[in-house]
Amino acid sequence: MGRYTGPLCRLCRAEGTKLFLKGKRCLSDKCALDRRSYPPGARGKRVSFRKSNYKIQLREKQKVKRFYGVGEKQFRILFKKSAKKKGVTGENLLCTLELRLDNVIYRMNFAASRAQARQLIRHGHLFVNGRKCSIPSYVLRLEDEISFKEKSGQNDNIKAILEDVKGLVDVPEWLLVDTEKNLGKINSIPTREDVSLAVEEHLIVELYSK
């Protein structure tokens, strides 16, 4: 199945929570979820019937996928890798998603959304440890440094983006950011408490364990 190209606000309404897919709009009074908190579609306002366990598990998985902008195949691969690691599988999965390059760029206030972060990465504007990285799904490690390409730092469009997103989200403690040099670093490995999305990850584990 290809990449979703429909209305992004529809996804937030479907999941019943803000996924922050449209940058500043999600934080303003124009947010579709604040104006219409019921699910999209003709039956959105109807009283819902009892949800099956499968549907509850599926919704948790879809919520995480859409929040981080990950496809089904990629998500399943990450889950299998997380299951092989020591520790709790669900927590391993969320922490790995947090360390994706596109998510880190967003968390550092270098982009208004994860989608915009992916665009910047694919266009070759970002460096990891001094080398160009054009893979949004690249999983960063402790002490990795993220910076803008020298020419990109002088680009008027990039400057406008950085000015527009300044202070948009709170930078988590596991990241260090130098706003003057537009430089960031992985200060520590994120934990379950660092994940801002309200999700019951054990339901995802149960879904894939069937």
N, C-alpha and C. Protein backbone atom coordinates (compact mmCIF):
# COMPACT_ATOMS: atom_id res chain seq x y z
N MET A 1 0.85 -1.19 0.00
CA MET A 1 0.00 0.00 0.00
C MET A 1 0.88 1.23 0.00
N GLY A 2 0.53 2.24 -0.81
CA GLY A 2 1.35 3.44 -0.94
C GLY A 2 1.20 4.43 0.20
N ARG A 3 1.89 5.51 0.05
CA ARG A 3 1.88 6.56 1.07
C ARG A 3 0.53 7.27 1.10
N TYR A 4 0.05 7.59 2.29
CA TYR A 4 -1.23 8.29 2.45
C TYR A 4 -1.11 9.72 1.95
N THR A 5 -2.02 10.14 1.08
CA THR A 5 -1.98 11.49 0.51
C THR A 5 -3.27 12.27 0.78
N GLY A 6 -4.13 11.74 1.65
CA GLY A 6 -5.39 12.41 1.94
C GLY A 6 -5.25 13.48 3.01
N PRO A 7 -6.38 14.01 3.49
CA PRO A 7 -6.37 15.06 4.52
C PRO A 7 -5.74 14.55 5.83
N LEU A 8 -4.73 15.28 6.31
CA LEU A 8 -4.02 14.84 7.51
C LEU A 8 -4.87 14.97 8.77
N CYS A 9 -5.70 15.99 8.82
CA CYS A 9 -6.53 16.20 10.02
C CYS A 9 -7.53 15.05 10.20
N ARG A 10 -7.86 14.40 9.11
CA ARG A 10 -8.76 13.26 9.17
C ARG A 10 -8.15 12.11 9.99
N LEU A 11 -6.83 11.97 9.92
CA LEU A 11 -6.16 10.92 10.67
C LEU A 11 -6.23 11.17 12.17
N CYS A 12 -6.05 12.43 12.57
CA CYS A 12 -6.14 12.78 14.00
C CYS A 12 -7.54 12.50 14.53
N ARG A 13 -8.55 12.85 13.73
CA ARG A 13 -9.93 12.62 14.15
C ARG A 13 -10.25 11.14 14.23
N ALA A 14 -9.67 10.36 13.32
CA ALA A 14 -9.90 8.91 13.32
C ALA A 14 -9.32 8.26 14.58
N GLU A 15 -8.16 8.77 15.02
CA GLU A 15 -7.50 8.21 16.20
C GLU A 15 -7.96 8.85 17.49
N GLY A 16 -8.65 9.98 17.39
CA GLY A 16 -9.17 10.64 18.58
C GLY A 16 -8.11 11.34 19.41
N THR A 17 -6.97 11.65 18.80
CA THR A 17 -5.89 12.34 19.50
C THR A 17 -5.06 13.15 18.52
N LYS A 18 -4.37 14.16 19.01
CA LYS A 18 -3.53 14.98 18.14
C LYS A 18 -2.26 14.22 17.78
N LEU A 19 -2.01 14.12 16.47
CA LEU A 19 -0.80 13.46 15.99
C LEU A 19 0.24 14.47 15.53
N PHE A 20 -0.10 15.75 15.57
CA PHE A 20 0.81 16.85 15.22
C PHE A 20 1.41 16.65 13.83
N LEU A 21 0.52 16.49 12.86
CA LEU A 21 0.94 16.25 11.48
C LEU A 21 1.03 17.53 10.65
N LYS A 22 0.48 18.64 11.18
CA LYS A 22 0.45 19.88 10.40
C LYS A 22 1.12 21.06 11.10
N GLY A 23 2.11 20.78 11.93
CA GLY A 23 2.88 21.84 12.55
C GLY A 23 2.09 22.77 13.45
N LYS A 24 2.22 24.07 13.22
CA LYS A 24 1.60 25.07 14.08
C LYS A 24 0.08 24.99 14.08
N ARG A 25 -0.51 24.53 13.00
CA ARG A 25 -1.97 24.44 12.92
C ARG A 25 -2.52 23.55 14.04
N CYS A 26 -1.77 22.51 14.38
CA CYS A 26 -2.22 21.59 15.43
C CYS A 26 -2.26 22.25 16.80
N LEU A 27 -1.49 23.33 16.96
CA LEU A 27 -1.42 24.03 18.25
C LEU A 27 -2.33 25.25 18.30
N SER A 28 -3.03 25.52 17.19
CA SER A 28 -3.90 26.70 17.11
C SER A 28 -5.37 26.30 17.25
N ASP A 29 -6.25 27.32 17.27
CA ASP A 29 -7.67 27.04 17.36
C ASP A 29 -8.26 26.53 16.04
N LYS A 30 -7.41 26.40 15.01
CA LYS A 30 -7.86 25.86 13.74
C LYS A 30 -7.75 24.34 13.69
N CYS A 31 -7.24 23.75 14.74
CA CYS A 31 -7.08 22.29 14.79
C CYS A 31 -8.44 21.62 14.59
N ALA A 32 -8.51 20.71 13.62
CA ALA A 32 -9.76 20.05 13.29
C ALA A 32 -10.29 19.20 14.44
N LEU A 33 -9.38 18.61 15.22
CA LEU A 33 -9.81 17.76 16.33
C LEU A 33 -10.47 18.57 17.43
N ASP A 34 -10.02 19.80 17.63
CA ASP A 34 -10.64 20.68 18.63
C ASP A 34 -12.03 21.13 18.18
N ARG A 35 -12.18 21.33 16.87
CA ARG A 35 -13.46 21.80 16.34
C ARG A 35 -14.46 20.67 16.13
N ARG A 36 -13.94 19.48 15.75
CA ARG A 36 -14.81 18.32 15.52
C ARG A 36 -14.13 17.10 16.13
N SER A 37 -14.44 16.85 17.37
CA SER A 37 -13.75 15.79 18.10
C SER A 37 -14.26 14.39 17.78
N TYR A 38 -15.30 14.28 16.95
CA TYR A 38 -15.83 12.98 16.59
C TYR A 38 -15.11 12.44 15.35
N PRO A 39 -15.16 11.14 15.12
CA PRO A 39 -14.47 10.54 13.97
C PRO A 39 -15.01 11.07 12.64
N PRO A 40 -14.21 11.02 11.56
CA PRO A 40 -14.67 11.50 10.26
C PRO A 40 -15.67 10.54 9.63
N GLY A 41 -16.37 11.02 8.62
CA GLY A 41 -17.32 10.16 7.91
C GLY A 41 -18.75 10.42 8.33
N ALA A 42 -19.68 9.86 7.55
CA ALA A 42 -21.11 10.08 7.78
C ALA A 42 -21.59 9.50 9.11
N ARG A 43 -20.91 8.47 9.61
CA ARG A 43 -21.33 7.84 10.85
C ARG A 43 -20.52 8.32 12.05
N GLY A 44 -19.74 9.37 11.87
CA GLY A 44 -18.86 9.83 12.93
C GLY A 44 -19.56 10.22 14.21
N LYS A 45 -20.74 10.82 14.11
CA LYS A 45 -21.45 11.30 15.30
C LYS A 45 -22.30 10.22 15.96
N ARG A 46 -22.45 9.09 15.31
CA ARG A 46 -23.27 8.03 15.87
C ARG A 46 -22.62 7.42 17.11
N VAL A 47 -23.46 6.91 17.99
CA VAL A 47 -22.96 6.25 19.19
C VAL A 47 -22.29 4.95 18.76
N SER A 48 -21.05 4.78 19.10
CA SER A 48 -20.31 3.60 18.66
C SER A 48 -20.67 2.38 19.50
N PHE A 49 -20.59 1.22 18.87
CA PHE A 49 -20.85 -0.02 19.57
C PHE A 49 -19.58 -0.46 20.30
N ARG A 50 -19.72 -1.52 21.07
CA ARG A 50 -18.58 -2.04 21.82
C ARG A 50 -17.47 -2.45 20.85
N LYS A 51 -16.26 -2.00 21.13
CA LYS A 51 -15.12 -2.34 20.27
C LYS A 51 -14.56 -3.70 20.64
N SER A 52 -14.20 -4.47 19.63
CA SER A 52 -13.58 -5.77 19.89
C SER A 52 -12.13 -5.56 20.33
N ASN A 53 -11.54 -6.57 20.93
CA ASN A 53 -10.14 -6.48 21.36
C ASN A 53 -9.22 -6.22 20.17
N TYR A 54 -9.55 -6.87 19.05
CA TYR A 54 -8.73 -6.69 17.85
C TYR A 54 -8.78 -5.23 17.38
N LYS A 55 -9.94 -4.63 17.39
CA LYS A 55 -10.07 -3.25 16.93
C LYS A 55 -9.30 -2.29 17.85
N ILE A 56 -9.35 -2.54 19.14
CA ILE A 56 -8.62 -1.69 20.10
C ILE A 56 -7.11 -1.80 19.85
N GLN A 57 -6.63 -3.03 19.64
CA GLN A 57 -5.21 -3.24 19.37
C GLN A 57 -4.80 -2.60 18.05
N LEU A 58 -5.65 -2.74 17.05
CA LEU A 58 -5.36 -2.17 15.73
C LEU A 58 -5.27 -0.65 15.79
N ARG A 59 -6.17 -0.04 16.53
CA ARG A 59 -6.18 1.43 16.64
C ARG A 59 -4.91 1.94 17.31
N GLU A 60 -4.40 1.21 18.30
CA GLU A 60 -3.17 1.62 18.96
C GLU A 60 -1.99 1.54 17.98
N LYS A 61 -1.97 0.49 17.18
CA LYS A 61 -0.90 0.34 16.20
C LYS A 61 -0.97 1.45 15.16
N GLN A 62 -2.17 1.71 14.65
CA GLN A 62 -2.35 2.75 13.63
C GLN A 62 -1.98 4.13 14.17
N LYS A 63 -2.30 4.35 15.43
CA LYS A 63 -1.97 5.64 16.06
C LYS A 63 -0.47 5.88 16.07
N VAL A 64 0.29 4.87 16.46
CA VAL A 64 1.75 5.00 16.52
C VAL A 64 2.33 5.15 15.11
N LYS A 65 1.85 4.36 14.17
CA LYS A 65 2.33 4.43 12.79
C LYS A 65 2.12 5.83 12.20
N ARG A 66 0.96 6.38 12.42
CA ARG A 66 0.64 7.69 11.85
C ARG A 66 1.36 8.81 12.58
N PHE A 67 1.57 8.65 13.86
CA PHE A 67 2.28 9.66 14.64
C PHE A 67 3.71 9.83 14.15
N TYR A 68 4.38 8.70 13.89
CA TYR A 68 5.78 8.74 13.45
C TYR A 68 5.93 8.70 11.93
N GLY A 69 4.83 8.52 11.20
CA GLY A 69 4.89 8.50 9.75
C GLY A 69 5.60 7.27 9.19
N VAL A 70 5.27 6.11 9.73
CA VAL A 70 5.91 4.85 9.33
C VAL A 70 4.91 3.96 8.62
N GLY A 71 5.33 3.32 7.54
CA GLY A 71 4.48 2.39 6.82
C GLY A 71 4.39 1.04 7.51
N GLU A 72 3.45 0.21 7.07
CA GLU A 72 3.21 -1.08 7.72
C GLU A 72 4.43 -2.01 7.64
N LYS A 73 5.03 -2.12 6.47
CA LYS A 73 6.18 -3.02 6.30
C LYS A 73 7.35 -2.59 7.19
N GLN A 74 7.62 -1.30 7.19
CA GLN A 74 8.72 -0.77 8.00
C GLN A 74 8.42 -0.94 9.49
N PHE A 75 7.17 -0.73 9.86
CA PHE A 75 6.77 -0.85 11.26
C PHE A 75 6.94 -2.29 11.74
N ARG A 76 6.57 -3.25 10.90
CA ARG A 76 6.68 -4.65 11.26
C ARG A 76 8.15 -5.06 11.44
N ILE A 77 9.02 -4.54 10.56
CA ILE A 77 10.45 -4.83 10.67
C ILE A 77 11.01 -4.29 11.99
N LEU A 78 10.60 -3.05 12.33
CA LEU A 78 11.06 -2.45 13.59
C LEU A 78 10.57 -3.26 14.79
N PHE A 79 9.34 -3.77 14.68
CA PHE A 79 8.79 -4.56 15.78
C PHE A 79 9.61 -5.83 15.98
N LYS A 80 9.95 -6.52 14.89
CA LYS A 80 10.73 -7.76 14.99
C LYS A 80 12.10 -7.50 15.60
N LYS A 81 12.73 -6.38 15.21
CA LYS A 81 14.03 -6.04 15.77
C LYS A 81 13.91 -5.72 17.26
N SER A 82 12.83 -5.03 17.63
CA SER A 82 12.61 -4.66 19.03
C SER A 82 12.37 -5.90 19.89
N ALA A 83 11.71 -6.91 19.30
CA ALA A 83 11.42 -8.14 20.04
C ALA A 83 12.69 -8.92 20.35
N LYS A 84 13.73 -8.76 19.53
CA LYS A 84 14.98 -9.48 19.73
C LYS A 84 15.89 -8.80 20.75
N LYS A 85 15.61 -7.55 21.05
CA LYS A 85 16.44 -6.82 22.00
C LYS A 85 16.09 -7.19 23.44
N LYS A 86 17.01 -6.93 24.35
CA LYS A 86 16.73 -7.13 25.76
C LYS A 86 15.75 -6.07 26.24
N GLY A 87 14.90 -6.43 27.20
CA GLY A 87 13.95 -5.46 27.73
C GLY A 87 12.53 -5.72 27.24
N VAL A 88 11.67 -4.75 27.46
CA VAL A 88 10.26 -4.84 27.08
C VAL A 88 10.10 -4.48 25.61
N THR A 89 9.48 -5.35 24.84
CA THR A 89 9.37 -5.16 23.39
C THR A 89 8.68 -3.85 23.02
N GLY A 90 7.56 -3.56 23.66
CA GLY A 90 6.81 -2.33 23.34
C GLY A 90 7.63 -1.08 23.60
N GLU A 91 8.33 -1.06 24.72
CA GLU A 91 9.16 0.10 25.05
C GLU A 91 10.34 0.21 24.10
N ASN A 92 10.94 -0.92 23.72
CA ASN A 92 12.03 -0.91 22.75
C ASN A 92 11.57 -0.31 21.42
N LEU A 93 10.36 -0.67 21.01
CA LEU A 93 9.81 -0.18 19.75
C LEU A 93 9.64 1.33 19.77
N LEU A 94 9.05 1.85 20.83
CA LEU A 94 8.81 3.29 20.93
C LEU A 94 10.11 4.07 21.01
N CYS A 95 11.07 3.56 21.74
CA CYS A 95 12.36 4.25 21.87
C CYS A 95 13.13 4.26 20.54
N THR A 96 13.00 3.18 19.77
CA THR A 96 13.63 3.13 18.45
C THR A 96 12.99 4.15 17.52
N LEU A 97 11.67 4.27 17.58
CA LEU A 97 10.97 5.25 16.76
C LEU A 97 11.37 6.67 17.13
N GLU A 98 11.60 6.90 18.42
CA GLU A 98 12.03 8.23 18.88
C GLU A 98 13.40 8.59 18.31
N LEU A 99 14.24 7.59 18.08
CA LEU A 99 15.60 7.84 17.61
C LEU A 99 15.70 7.92 16.08
N ARG A 100 14.59 7.79 15.39
CA ARG A 100 14.62 7.98 13.93
C ARG A 100 15.04 9.41 13.62
N LEU A 101 15.80 9.58 12.56
CA LEU A 101 16.34 10.89 12.22
C LEU A 101 15.24 11.92 11.99
N ASP A 102 14.17 11.55 11.29
CA ASP A 102 13.10 12.52 11.03
C ASP A 102 12.42 12.98 12.32
N ASN A 103 12.24 12.06 13.28
CA ASN A 103 11.65 12.44 14.55
C ASN A 103 12.57 13.34 15.36
N VAL A 104 13.87 13.04 15.35
CA VAL A 104 14.83 13.84 16.10
C VAL A 104 14.91 15.26 15.55
N ILE A 105 14.89 15.39 14.22
CA ILE A 105 14.90 16.72 13.60
C ILE A 105 13.69 17.54 14.06
N TYR A 106 12.54 16.89 14.11
CA TYR A 106 11.32 17.56 14.59
C TYR A 106 11.44 17.92 16.07
N ARG A 107 11.94 17.00 16.87
CA ARG A 107 12.08 17.24 18.31
C ARG A 107 13.06 18.38 18.61
N MET A 108 14.02 18.57 17.73
CA MET A 108 15.02 19.62 17.93
C MET A 108 14.54 20.99 17.45
N ASN A 109 13.30 21.06 16.96
CA ASN A 109 12.77 22.31 16.42
C ASN A 109 13.51 22.76 15.16
N PHE A 110 13.90 21.80 14.35
CA PHE A 110 14.51 22.10 13.06
C PHE A 110 13.50 21.97 11.93
N ALA A 111 12.28 21.50 12.25
CA ALA A 111 11.21 21.35 11.27
C ALA A 111 9.87 21.47 11.98
N ALA A 112 8.84 21.91 11.25
CA ALA A 112 7.52 22.12 11.84
C ALA A 112 6.77 20.81 12.07
N SER A 113 7.13 19.78 11.34
CA SER A 113 6.48 18.48 11.47
C SER A 113 7.45 17.39 11.04
N ARG A 114 7.10 16.16 11.30
CA ARG A 114 7.96 15.05 10.89
C ARG A 114 7.98 14.93 9.36
N ALA A 115 6.88 15.28 8.73
CA ALA A 115 6.82 15.23 7.26
C ALA A 115 7.79 16.26 6.66
N GLN A 116 7.83 17.45 7.24
CA GLN A 116 8.76 18.48 6.76
C GLN A 116 10.20 18.06 7.04
N ALA A 117 10.42 17.39 8.17
CA ALA A 117 11.76 16.90 8.50
C ALA A 117 12.21 15.87 7.46
N ARG A 118 11.29 14.98 7.06
CA ARG A 118 11.64 13.98 6.03
C ARG A 118 12.02 14.65 4.72
N GLN A 119 11.32 15.72 4.38
CA GLN A 119 11.63 16.44 3.14
C GLN A 119 13.02 17.06 3.20
N LEU A 120 13.35 17.68 4.32
CA LEU A 120 14.68 18.28 4.48
C LEU A 120 15.78 17.23 4.38
N ILE A 121 15.52 16.06 4.97
CA ILE A 121 16.52 14.99 4.96
C ILE A 121 16.71 14.44 3.55
N ARG A 122 15.61 14.18 2.87
CA ARG A 122 15.69 13.61 1.52
C ARG A 122 16.37 14.57 0.53
N HIS A 123 16.25 15.86 0.77
CA HIS A 123 16.86 16.85 -0.12
C HIS A 123 18.33 17.09 0.22
N GLY A 124 18.84 16.35 1.19
CA GLY A 124 20.27 16.41 1.49
C GLY A 124 20.71 17.60 2.31
N HIS A 125 19.81 18.18 3.12
CA HIS A 125 20.17 19.36 3.91
C HIS A 125 20.80 19.01 5.26
N LEU A 126 20.69 17.74 5.69
CA LEU A 126 21.14 17.36 7.03
C LEU A 126 22.38 16.47 6.99
N PHE A 127 23.24 16.70 7.97
CA PHE A 127 24.43 15.88 8.17
C PHE A 127 24.33 15.14 9.50
N VAL A 128 24.83 13.92 9.54
CA VAL A 128 24.96 13.17 10.79
C VAL A 128 26.44 12.85 10.98
N ASN A 129 27.00 13.37 12.05
CA ASN A 129 28.44 13.21 12.32
C ASN A 129 29.30 13.69 11.15
N GLY A 130 28.88 14.81 10.54
CA GLY A 130 29.66 15.42 9.47
C GLY A 130 29.48 14.81 8.10
N ARG A 131 28.60 13.81 7.98
CA ARG A 131 28.37 13.17 6.69
C ARG A 131 26.90 13.29 6.31
N LYS A 132 26.64 13.53 5.03
CA LYS A 132 25.26 13.71 4.57
C LYS A 132 24.47 12.42 4.78
N CYS A 133 23.26 12.58 5.30
CA CYS A 133 22.37 11.44 5.50
C CYS A 133 21.02 11.79 4.90
N SER A 134 20.60 11.06 3.90
CA SER A 134 19.33 11.34 3.22
C SER A 134 18.30 10.25 3.49
N ILE A 135 18.45 9.55 4.62
CA ILE A 135 17.53 8.46 4.98
C ILE A 135 16.74 8.87 6.23
N PRO A 136 15.46 9.25 6.09
CA PRO A 136 14.66 9.69 7.25
C PRO A 136 14.53 8.63 8.34
N SER A 137 14.56 7.35 7.95
CA SER A 137 14.37 6.27 8.91
C SER A 137 15.66 5.87 9.63
N TYR A 138 16.76 6.55 9.33
CA TYR A 138 18.04 6.23 9.97
C TYR A 138 17.92 6.36 11.49
N VAL A 139 18.31 5.31 12.20
CA VAL A 139 18.20 5.30 13.66
C VAL A 139 19.52 5.80 14.26
N LEU A 140 19.43 6.89 15.00
CA LEU A 140 20.61 7.52 15.59
C LEU A 140 21.07 6.78 16.84
N ARG A 141 22.32 7.04 17.21
CA ARG A 141 22.91 6.42 18.39
C ARG A 141 23.40 7.50 19.36
N LEU A 142 23.78 7.05 20.53
CA LEU A 142 24.29 7.95 21.56
C LEU A 142 25.50 8.72 21.03
N GLU A 143 25.54 10.01 21.31
CA GLU A 143 26.62 10.91 20.93
C GLU A 143 26.61 11.33 19.45
N ASP A 144 25.65 10.85 18.67
CA ASP A 144 25.55 11.29 17.27
C ASP A 144 25.23 12.78 17.21
N GLU A 145 25.86 13.48 16.27
CA GLU A 145 25.64 14.92 16.09
C GLU A 145 24.89 15.18 14.79
N ILE A 146 23.91 16.07 14.85
CA ILE A 146 23.10 16.42 13.69
C ILE A 146 23.31 17.90 13.37
N SER A 147 23.58 18.20 12.13
CA SER A 147 23.80 19.59 11.73
C SER A 147 23.29 19.81 10.31
N PHE A 148 23.16 21.08 9.94
CA PHE A 148 22.74 21.43 8.58
C PHE A 148 23.97 21.54 7.68
N LYS A 149 23.77 21.19 6.43
CA LYS A 149 24.80 21.40 5.43
C LYS A 149 25.15 22.88 5.40
N GLU A 150 26.41 23.23 5.22
CA GLU A 150 26.85 24.62 5.29
C GLU A 150 26.07 25.52 4.34
N LYS A 151 25.89 25.08 3.10
CA LYS A 151 25.13 25.88 2.13
C LYS A 151 23.66 25.98 2.51
N SER A 152 23.14 24.90 3.09
CA SER A 152 21.73 24.90 3.50
C SER A 152 21.48 25.90 4.61
N GLY A 153 22.47 26.06 5.49
CA GLY A 153 22.33 27.02 6.58
C GLY A 153 22.22 28.45 6.11
N GLN A 154 22.69 28.70 4.88
CA GLN A 154 22.61 30.05 4.31
C GLN A 154 21.39 30.22 3.40
N ASN A 155 20.67 29.14 3.20
CA ASN A 155 19.49 29.18 2.33
C ASN A 155 18.36 29.95 3.00
N ASP A 156 17.75 30.89 2.25
CA ASP A 156 16.67 31.72 2.82
C ASP A 156 15.47 30.89 3.25
N ASN A 157 15.13 29.86 2.49
CA ASN A 157 13.98 29.01 2.84
C ASN A 157 14.24 28.25 4.13
N ILE A 158 15.46 27.73 4.29
CA ILE A 158 15.81 27.02 5.51
C ILE A 158 15.80 27.97 6.71
N LYS A 159 16.34 29.17 6.50
CA LYS A 159 16.33 30.17 7.57
C LYS A 159 14.91 30.50 8.00
N ALA A 160 14.01 30.62 7.02
CA ALA A 160 12.61 30.94 7.32
C ALA A 160 11.95 29.81 8.12
N ILE A 161 12.27 28.56 7.76
CA ILE A 161 11.71 27.41 8.48
C ILE A 161 12.20 27.41 9.92
N LEU A 162 13.49 27.60 10.12
CA LEU A 162 14.06 27.58 11.47
C LEU A 162 13.51 28.70 12.34
N GLU A 163 13.28 29.85 11.73
CA GLU A 163 12.72 30.98 12.47
C GLU A 163 11.26 30.72 12.83
N ASP A 164 10.56 30.08 11.91
CA ASP A 164 9.13 29.82 12.10
C ASP A 164 8.87 28.78 13.18
N VAL A 165 9.78 27.80 13.30
CA VAL A 165 9.55 26.70 14.26
C VAL A 165 10.27 26.90 15.58
N LYS A 166 10.94 28.00 15.74
CA LYS A 166 11.68 28.26 16.98
C LYS A 166 10.75 28.17 18.19
N GLY A 167 11.06 27.25 19.11
CA GLY A 167 10.26 27.07 20.31
C GLY A 167 8.92 26.41 20.09
N LEU A 168 8.72 25.79 18.92
CA LEU A 168 7.43 25.17 18.61
C LEU A 168 7.11 24.03 19.57
N VAL A 169 8.08 23.18 19.83
CA VAL A 169 7.89 22.08 20.79
C VAL A 169 9.00 22.13 21.82
N ASP A 170 8.75 21.56 22.98
CA ASP A 170 9.77 21.50 24.03
C ASP A 170 10.81 20.43 23.68
N VAL A 171 12.06 20.83 23.68
CA VAL A 171 13.14 19.88 23.37
C VAL A 171 13.32 18.94 24.56
N PRO A 172 13.22 17.62 24.36
CA PRO A 172 13.37 16.68 25.48
C PRO A 172 14.79 16.68 26.04
N GLU A 173 14.91 16.19 27.26
CA GLU A 173 16.20 16.22 27.96
C GLU A 173 17.25 15.31 27.32
N TRP A 174 16.81 14.32 26.56
CA TRP A 174 17.78 13.40 25.96
C TRP A 174 18.45 13.99 24.71
N LEU A 175 18.07 15.22 24.36
CA LEU A 175 18.67 15.92 23.22
C LEU A 175 19.34 17.21 23.68
N LEU A 176 20.48 17.53 23.07
CA LEU A 176 21.13 18.82 23.28
C LEU A 176 21.06 19.61 21.98
N VAL A 177 20.65 20.87 22.06
CA VAL A 177 20.49 21.68 20.85
C VAL A 177 21.15 23.03 21.03
N ASP A 178 21.95 23.41 20.05
CA ASP A 178 22.56 24.74 19.98
C ASP A 178 21.80 25.51 18.90
N THR A 179 20.88 26.38 19.34
CA THR A 179 20.03 27.09 18.40
C THR A 179 20.79 28.10 17.54
N GLU A 180 21.90 28.61 18.05
CA GLU A 180 22.68 29.59 17.28
C GLU A 180 23.42 28.93 16.12
N LYS A 181 23.93 27.74 16.35
CA LYS A 181 24.67 27.02 15.31
C LYS A 181 23.80 26.00 14.58
N ASN A 182 22.53 25.87 15.03
CA ASN A 182 21.62 24.87 14.45
C ASN A 182 22.27 23.48 14.47
N LEU A 183 22.73 23.14 15.66
CA LEU A 183 23.44 21.88 15.86
C LEU A 183 22.77 21.11 16.99
N GLY A 184 22.66 19.80 16.82
CA GLY A 184 22.05 18.98 17.85
C GLY A 184 22.85 17.73 18.13
N LYS A 185 22.59 17.12 19.29
CA LYS A 185 23.34 15.93 19.68
C LYS A 185 22.47 15.01 20.53
N ILE A 186 22.66 13.71 20.35
CA ILE A 186 21.95 12.73 21.17
C ILE A 186 22.69 12.63 22.51
N ASN A 187 22.09 13.20 23.54
CA ASN A 187 22.74 13.27 24.85
C ASN A 187 22.57 11.99 25.65
N SER A 188 21.46 11.30 25.45
CA SER A 188 21.19 10.03 26.12
C SER A 188 20.13 9.27 25.33
N ILE A 189 19.99 8.00 25.60
CA ILE A 189 18.99 7.19 24.91
C ILE A 189 17.62 7.45 25.55
N PRO A 190 16.61 7.76 24.74
CA PRO A 190 15.28 8.05 25.30
C PRO A 190 14.67 6.85 26.01
N THR A 191 13.86 7.12 27.01
CA THR A 191 13.16 6.07 27.76
C THR A 191 11.67 6.15 27.46
N ARG A 192 10.90 5.25 28.02
CA ARG A 192 9.44 5.24 27.79
C ARG A 192 8.81 6.55 28.23
N GLU A 193 9.32 7.15 29.28
CA GLU A 193 8.75 8.40 29.79
C GLU A 193 8.96 9.57 28.82
N ASP A 194 9.90 9.44 27.90
CA ASP A 194 10.18 10.51 26.95
C ASP A 194 9.25 10.50 25.74
N VAL A 195 8.42 9.48 25.63
CA VAL A 195 7.48 9.38 24.51
C VAL A 195 6.24 10.21 24.84
N SER A 196 5.97 11.21 24.02
CA SER A 196 4.87 12.14 24.31
C SER A 196 3.50 11.61 23.91
N LEU A 197 3.46 10.60 23.05
CA LEU A 197 2.18 10.06 22.59
C LEU A 197 1.57 9.16 23.66
N ALA A 198 0.28 9.37 23.93
CA ALA A 198 -0.43 8.51 24.88
C ALA A 198 -0.82 7.22 24.17
N VAL A 199 -0.10 6.16 24.47
CA VAL A 199 -0.34 4.88 23.78
C VAL A 199 -0.09 3.72 24.73
N GLU A 200 -0.86 2.66 24.57
CA GLU A 200 -0.65 1.43 25.34
C GLU A 200 0.06 0.45 24.43
N GLU A 201 1.37 0.49 24.48
CA GLU A 201 2.17 -0.29 23.54
C GLU A 201 2.03 -1.79 23.70
N HIS A 202 1.61 -2.23 24.88
CA HIS A 202 1.44 -3.68 25.08
C HIS A 202 0.35 -4.24 24.18
N LEU A 203 -0.60 -3.39 23.78
CA LEU A 203 -1.66 -3.83 22.87
C LEU A 203 -1.10 -4.12 21.48
N ILE A 204 -0.09 -3.37 21.08
CA ILE A 204 0.57 -3.59 19.78
C ILE A 204 1.30 -4.92 19.82
N VAL A 205 1.96 -5.20 20.94
CA VAL A 205 2.67 -6.48 21.10
C VAL A 205 1.69 -7.64 21.03
N GLU A 206 0.55 -7.47 21.67
CA GLU A 206 -0.48 -8.52 21.64
C GLU A 206 -1.00 -8.74 20.22
N LEU A 207 -1.14 -7.65 19.46
CA LEU A 207 -1.65 -7.76 18.10
C LEU A 207 -0.69 -8.55 17.21
N TYR A 208 0.60 -8.25 17.31
CA TYR A 208 1.59 -8.94 16.47
C TYR A 208 1.94 -10.33 17.00
N SER A 209 1.53 -10.63 18.22
CA SER A 209 1.86 -11.94 18.79
C SER A 209 0.83 -13.01 18.45
N LYS A 210 -0.23 -12.63 17.77
CA LYS A 210 -1.30 -13.59 17.44
C LYS A 210 -0.84 -14.54 16.34
